[in-house]
Protein backbone atom coordinates (compact mmCIF):
# COMPACT_ATOMS: atom_id res chain seq x y z
CA MET A 1 15.03 -2.98 -14.26
CA THR A 2 12.31 -4.54 -12.39
CA THR A 3 9.52 -2.77 -9.74
CA ILE A 4 8.42 -2.81 -6.16
CA GLN A 5 5.12 -3.06 -5.42
CA PHE A 6 3.61 -0.99 -2.98
CA ALA A 7 0.08 -1.01 -1.61
CA SER A 8 -2.15 0.83 1.16
CA LEU A 9 -5.15 -0.34 2.74
CA ASN A 10 -7.70 1.05 5.35
CA ALA A 11 -7.79 -1.95 7.81
CA ASN A 12 -10.57 -0.81 9.92
CA GLY A 13 -9.02 -2.34 12.84
CA LEU A 14 -6.39 -5.30 13.43
CA ASN A 15 -6.93 -6.20 17.10
CA THR A 16 -8.56 -9.37 16.44
CA PRO A 17 -6.56 -12.52 15.97
CA GLU A 18 -8.31 -13.63 12.78
CA LYS A 19 -8.00 -10.40 10.95
CA ARG A 20 -4.22 -10.16 11.36
CA PRO A 21 -3.54 -13.39 9.29
CA SER A 22 -6.22 -12.33 6.54
CA ILE A 23 -4.74 -9.46 5.94
CA LEU A 24 -1.09 -10.90 5.76
CA ARG A 25 -2.75 -13.66 3.36
CA LEU A 26 -3.80 -10.94 1.00
CA LEU A 27 -0.61 -9.15 1.00
CA ARG A 28 1.53 -12.26 0.46
CA ASN A 29 -1.24 -13.55 -2.15
CA LYS A 30 -0.98 -9.91 -4.09
CA LYS A 31 2.76 -9.72 -3.76
CA VAL A 32 2.90 -6.57 -2.09
CA GLN A 33 6.58 -5.67 -1.13
CA VAL A 34 5.93 -2.61 1.10
CA ALA A 35 2.57 -2.08 2.68
CA PHE A 36 0.83 1.10 4.08
CA ILE A 37 -2.02 0.31 6.61
CA GLN A 38 -4.32 2.92 8.05
CA GLU A 39 -6.59 2.49 11.24
CA THR A 40 -4.62 -0.65 12.92
CA HIS A 41 -6.03 0.50 16.21
CA PHE A 42 -2.91 -0.94 18.12
CA CYS A 43 -2.13 -0.15 21.72
CA ARG A 44 1.20 1.72 21.93
CA ASP A 45 1.87 -0.32 25.19
CA ALA A 46 1.14 -3.42 23.85
CA LEU A 47 1.45 -3.90 20.02
CA PRO A 48 0.09 -7.57 18.84
CA SER A 49 2.64 -9.64 16.94
CA HIS A 50 1.82 -8.44 12.86
CA LYS A 51 4.62 -10.34 11.67
CA SER A 52 5.13 -13.06 8.99
CA PRO A 53 8.24 -14.48 7.67
CA ARG A 54 7.42 -12.61 4.63
CA TYR A 55 7.16 -9.31 6.38
CA SER A 56 10.07 -8.93 8.53
CA ASP A 57 10.33 -5.21 8.98
CA THR A 58 7.12 -3.49 10.48
CA TYR A 59 6.94 -0.05 11.79
CA HIS A 60 4.10 1.45 13.52
CA SER A 61 2.60 4.90 14.58
CA CYS A 62 -0.22 4.68 17.56
CA PHE A 63 -2.63 7.01 18.73
CA SER A 64 -1.41 7.40 22.71
CA ARG A 65 -4.87 8.02 24.48
CA SER A 66 -6.68 4.99 22.77
CA LYS A 67 -7.11 2.09 20.52
CA SER A 68 -8.34 4.05 17.56
CA ARG A 69 -6.58 5.41 14.59
CA GLY A 70 -2.72 4.09 13.95
CA VAL A 71 -0.58 3.50 10.90
CA SER A 72 1.82 0.83 9.85
CA ILE A 73 4.34 0.32 7.16
CA LEU A 74 5.53 -3.47 6.63
CA ILE A 75 8.41 -4.25 4.49
CA ALA A 76 8.87 -7.48 2.37
CA ARG A 77 12.36 -9.67 3.21
CA SER A 78 12.30 -10.13 -0.61
CA VAL A 79 13.38 -6.14 -0.83
CA PRO A 80 16.89 -5.00 0.28
CA TRP A 81 16.11 -2.60 2.93
CA GLU A 82 18.29 -0.51 5.04
CA PHE A 83 16.82 1.51 7.61
CA LEU A 84 17.81 4.95 8.39
CA ASP A 85 15.15 7.06 10.24
CA ALA A 86 11.79 7.14 11.35
CA SER A 87 9.39 9.87 12.39
CA THR A 88 5.81 8.96 14.25
CA ASP A 89 2.78 11.05 15.53
CA ASP A 90 1.41 10.84 19.23
CA ASN A 91 -2.15 11.32 17.23
CA GLY A 92 -1.78 8.24 15.19
CA ARG A 93 -1.97 10.20 12.04
CA PHE A 94 1.41 9.46 10.18
CA LEU A 95 4.13 7.38 10.29
CA PHE A 96 7.60 8.62 8.26
CA LEU A 97 10.51 6.11 7.34
CA LYS A 98 13.79 6.96 5.70
CA GLY A 99 15.78 4.47 4.03
CA ARG A 100 17.21 2.68 1.15
CA LEU A 101 15.21 0.16 -0.90
CA ALA A 102 17.16 -1.80 -2.95
CA GLY A 103 19.98 0.54 -2.75
CA GLN A 104 18.03 3.72 -3.49
CA LEU A 105 17.21 6.43 -1.04
CA TYR A 106 13.10 6.69 -0.34
CA THR A 107 11.12 8.48 2.38
CA LEU A 108 7.73 6.46 2.71
CA ARG A 109 4.99 8.45 4.42
CA ASN A 110 1.94 6.80 5.48
CA VAL A 111 -0.89 8.91 6.24
CA TYR A 112 -4.51 8.87 7.94
CA LEU A 113 -6.18 12.32 7.67
CA PRO A 114 -9.07 12.92 10.07
CA ASN A 115 -12.87 12.94 8.52
CA THR A 116 -12.88 16.70 9.17
CA LYS A 117 -10.51 19.74 8.73
CA GLN A 118 -7.99 17.66 6.28
CA LEU A 119 -6.57 20.67 4.95
CA LYS A 120 -5.34 21.84 8.16
CA ALA A 121 -3.84 18.53 9.10
CA LEU A 122 -2.33 17.92 5.73
CA THR A 123 -0.64 21.36 5.88
CA GLY A 124 0.89 20.44 9.30
CA ILE A 125 2.01 16.88 7.93
CA LEU A 126 3.32 18.30 5.35
CA SER A 127 5.44 20.89 6.47
CA HIS A 128 6.89 18.29 8.99
CA LEU A 129 7.78 16.01 6.08
CA ASP A 130 9.56 18.77 4.79
CA ASP A 131 12.79 18.56 6.92
CA PHE A 132 12.67 14.87 6.89
CA ALA A 133 12.58 14.02 3.20
CA GLY A 134 15.22 12.80 1.36
CA GLY A 135 15.33 10.64 -2.04
CA THR A 136 12.46 9.49 -3.70
CA LEU A 137 9.32 10.43 -1.66
CA LEU A 138 6.33 8.44 -1.85
CA VAL A 139 3.19 9.34 0.04
CA GLY A 140 0.28 7.17 0.82
CA GLY A 141 -2.70 6.41 2.75
CA ASP A 142 -6.09 7.17 3.57
CA LEU A 143 -7.01 11.31 2.83
CA ASN A 144 -10.57 10.89 3.77
CA VAL A 145 -11.50 13.51 1.37
CA VAL A 146 -11.71 13.23 -2.81
CA LEU A 147 -9.70 15.80 -5.25
CA ASP A 148 -12.22 15.69 -7.79
CA PRO A 149 -15.99 14.87 -7.02
CA ASP A 150 -16.62 14.39 -10.81
CA VAL A 151 -14.85 11.66 -11.06
CA ASP A 152 -13.82 10.19 -7.58
CA VAL A 153 -17.47 9.98 -6.60
CA SER A 154 -20.12 7.69 -7.86
CA ARG A 155 -22.65 10.30 -7.61
CA GLY A 156 -20.44 13.01 -8.95
CA THR A 157 -20.81 15.20 -5.90
CA SER A 158 -19.01 16.15 -2.48
CA HIS A 159 -20.30 17.62 0.93
CA SER A 160 -16.73 19.37 0.94
CA ALA A 161 -16.89 22.68 -0.84
CA HIS A 162 -15.39 23.62 -4.30
CA SER A 163 -13.00 25.85 -2.82
CA TYR A 164 -11.82 23.89 0.12
CA LEU A 165 -10.89 21.16 -2.34
CA GLN A 166 -8.86 23.82 -4.25
CA GLY A 167 -7.17 24.53 -1.21
CA ILE A 168 -5.96 21.01 -0.81
CA LYS A 169 -5.04 20.92 -4.62
CA LYS A 170 -2.74 24.13 -4.08
CA LEU A 171 -1.22 22.40 -1.30
CA LEU A 172 -0.14 19.30 -3.16
CA HIS A 173 0.92 21.18 -5.94
CA ALA A 174 3.30 23.42 -3.65
CA HIS A 175 4.77 20.27 -2.51
CA GLN A 176 5.22 18.92 -6.06
CA LEU A 177 2.99 15.91 -5.05
CA ILE A 178 0.79 14.25 -7.97
CA ASP A 179 -1.92 11.56 -7.78
CA THR A 180 -0.36 8.30 -9.35
CA TRP A 181 -3.66 6.94 -9.98
CA ARG A 182 -4.94 9.87 -12.06
CA ILE A 183 -1.77 10.21 -14.15
CA LEU A 184 -1.84 6.47 -15.24
CA ASN A 185 -5.76 6.41 -15.59
CA PRO A 186 -6.93 10.15 -16.53
CA GLU A 187 -10.49 9.29 -17.34
CA VAL A 188 -11.00 5.71 -15.56
CA LYS A 189 -13.25 5.96 -12.52
CA ASP A 190 -12.79 3.51 -10.03
CA PHE A 191 -13.37 3.57 -6.19
CA THR A 192 -11.51 2.81 -2.60
CA PHE A 193 -14.48 3.19 -0.14
CA TYR A 194 -18.12 2.21 0.13
CA LEU A 195 -20.49 4.49 2.44
CA ALA A 196 -23.44 2.26 2.69
CA ALA A 197 -25.41 5.08 4.73
CA ARG A 198 -25.45 6.92 1.54
CA ASP A 199 -24.99 4.05 -1.02
CA THR A 200 -22.07 6.01 -2.27
CA TYR A 201 -18.78 4.83 -3.48
CA SER A 202 -15.62 7.11 -3.57
CA ARG A 203 -11.73 7.35 -3.96
CA LEU A 204 -10.29 8.43 -0.61
CA ASP A 205 -7.05 6.36 -0.98
CA TYR A 206 -4.17 7.64 -2.86
CA PHE A 207 -0.48 7.57 -3.70
CA LEU A 208 1.35 10.68 -3.98
CA LEU A 209 4.54 11.04 -5.79
CA ARG A 210 6.91 14.14 -6.54
CA HIS A 211 6.93 15.33 -10.29
CA SER A 212 10.47 14.63 -10.50
CA ALA A 213 10.00 10.82 -9.97
CA VAL A 214 6.89 10.37 -12.66
CA SER A 215 9.42 8.41 -14.55
CA LEU A 216 9.44 5.52 -12.26
CA LEU A 217 5.70 4.95 -12.39
CA ASP A 218 5.03 1.72 -13.78
CA SER A 219 1.16 0.67 -12.85
CA SER A 220 -1.53 1.74 -10.63
CA ALA A 221 -4.66 -0.89 -9.70
CA ILE A 222 -7.54 -0.90 -7.21
CA ASP A 223 -8.64 -4.14 -5.85
CA LEU A 224 -11.99 -5.38 -5.08
CA LEU A 225 -13.74 -4.70 -1.41
CA THR A 226 -13.15 -7.42 0.80
CA PHE A 227 -13.23 -7.68 4.47
CA SER A 228 -13.08 -3.93 4.90
CA ASP A 229 -15.23 -0.94 3.35
CA ASN A 230 -11.69 0.24 1.91
CA ALA A 231 -10.17 -1.23 -1.15
CA MET A 232 -6.65 -1.94 -1.49
CA PHE A 233 -4.90 0.29 -3.82
CA HIS A 234 -1.60 -0.57 -5.48
CA VAL A 235 1.13 1.17 -7.46
CA SER A 236 4.47 -0.30 -8.82
CA LEU A 237 7.43 1.86 -9.03
CA LYS A 238 10.56 0.97 -11.41
CA SER A 239 13.60 -0.06 -9.29
CA PRO A 240 16.96 -1.66 -10.09
CA LEU A 241 15.80 -4.52 -7.85
CA PRO A 242 17.04 -7.69 -9.46
CA ALA A 243 14.35 -9.25 -11.01
CA LEU A 244 13.36 -12.95 -9.23
CA LYS A 245 13.89 -15.76 -11.20
CA SER A 246 10.99 -17.72 -12.71
CA TRP A 247 11.14 -21.45 -12.21
CA GLN A 248 9.54 -23.79 -14.57
CA TRP A 249 9.36 -27.63 -14.10
CA ARG A 250 11.28 -29.37 -16.70
CA LEU A 251 11.39 -33.37 -17.29
CA ASN A 252 14.56 -35.12 -16.48
CA GLU A 253 14.76 -36.94 -20.05
CA SER A 254 17.38 -39.30 -18.58
CA LEU A 255 14.71 -41.01 -16.81
CA LEU A 256 13.37 -42.40 -19.92
CA GLN A 257 16.14 -44.38 -20.34
CA ASP A 258 16.11 -46.06 -17.09
CA PHE A 259 14.63 -49.64 -17.58
CA GLU A 260 12.80 -49.64 -13.90
CA VAL A 261 11.24 -46.41 -14.27
CA THR A 262 9.81 -47.09 -17.72
CA GLN A 263 8.23 -50.26 -16.40
CA GLU A 264 6.72 -48.55 -13.44
CA VAL A 265 5.25 -46.09 -15.78
CA HIS A 266 3.64 -48.57 -17.95
CA THR A 267 2.26 -50.34 -15.10
CA THR A 268 0.61 -47.11 -13.51
CA ILE A 269 -0.72 -46.32 -16.78
CA SER A 270 -1.93 -49.59 -17.08
CA GLN A 271 -3.66 -49.75 -13.69
CA TYR A 272 -5.20 -46.43 -14.15
CA PHE A 273 -7.21 -47.28 -17.25
């Protein structure tokens, strides 16, 4: 049993040619196999090249009226992937994918909620998801709201009313969705977003998993802030995907029996010193 590495990142726009290669390098260096990207700012009729040799399958949901919002899911070629179905949003707020990852049925949902009325938006999205989901459900993205201000905000307070946050928690509970970060880090305070205007850190990015799939959870981590005002958030799930071989260089000892090779080694060492 090995793991599949998922990551979520609000990119704050990917229309500059310099930024797209940067995020692909970051994903590759972090060995991300399935990436949930929010705020791509792609135009539906003119999608830029967002592929690399590592990420052969890319899916997008774009806002139909302007270059704003937008979400994407990128799947690495190292993961056996069989596409089954997809559902997009004209407002560029969500993207649903259904397929087989390493032979297992998954529903992947990338979401980017608005800055206000998150409960209304999430209610509509989850209702739509109920008719679409199958297999293991993983919901990731930027919810633009904290679930527990005491531990999810550096100052310990939120502008959202307590009753409003309780409504979001009840909605997630009704859909049997749990916060993977908090399950694995019950007492840790770490954040994914920095608001410079208020000098405040908060955790707005989540991976949500159904209760029945909690046994698949392996690890979770939050990176440092880099080129975006959001940090990349990781979660790994156990999978029957075969483990990659670990290659280690080893000297071919038969070369030491070769007279010409040993003479060349002695000469090189002598010249070095």
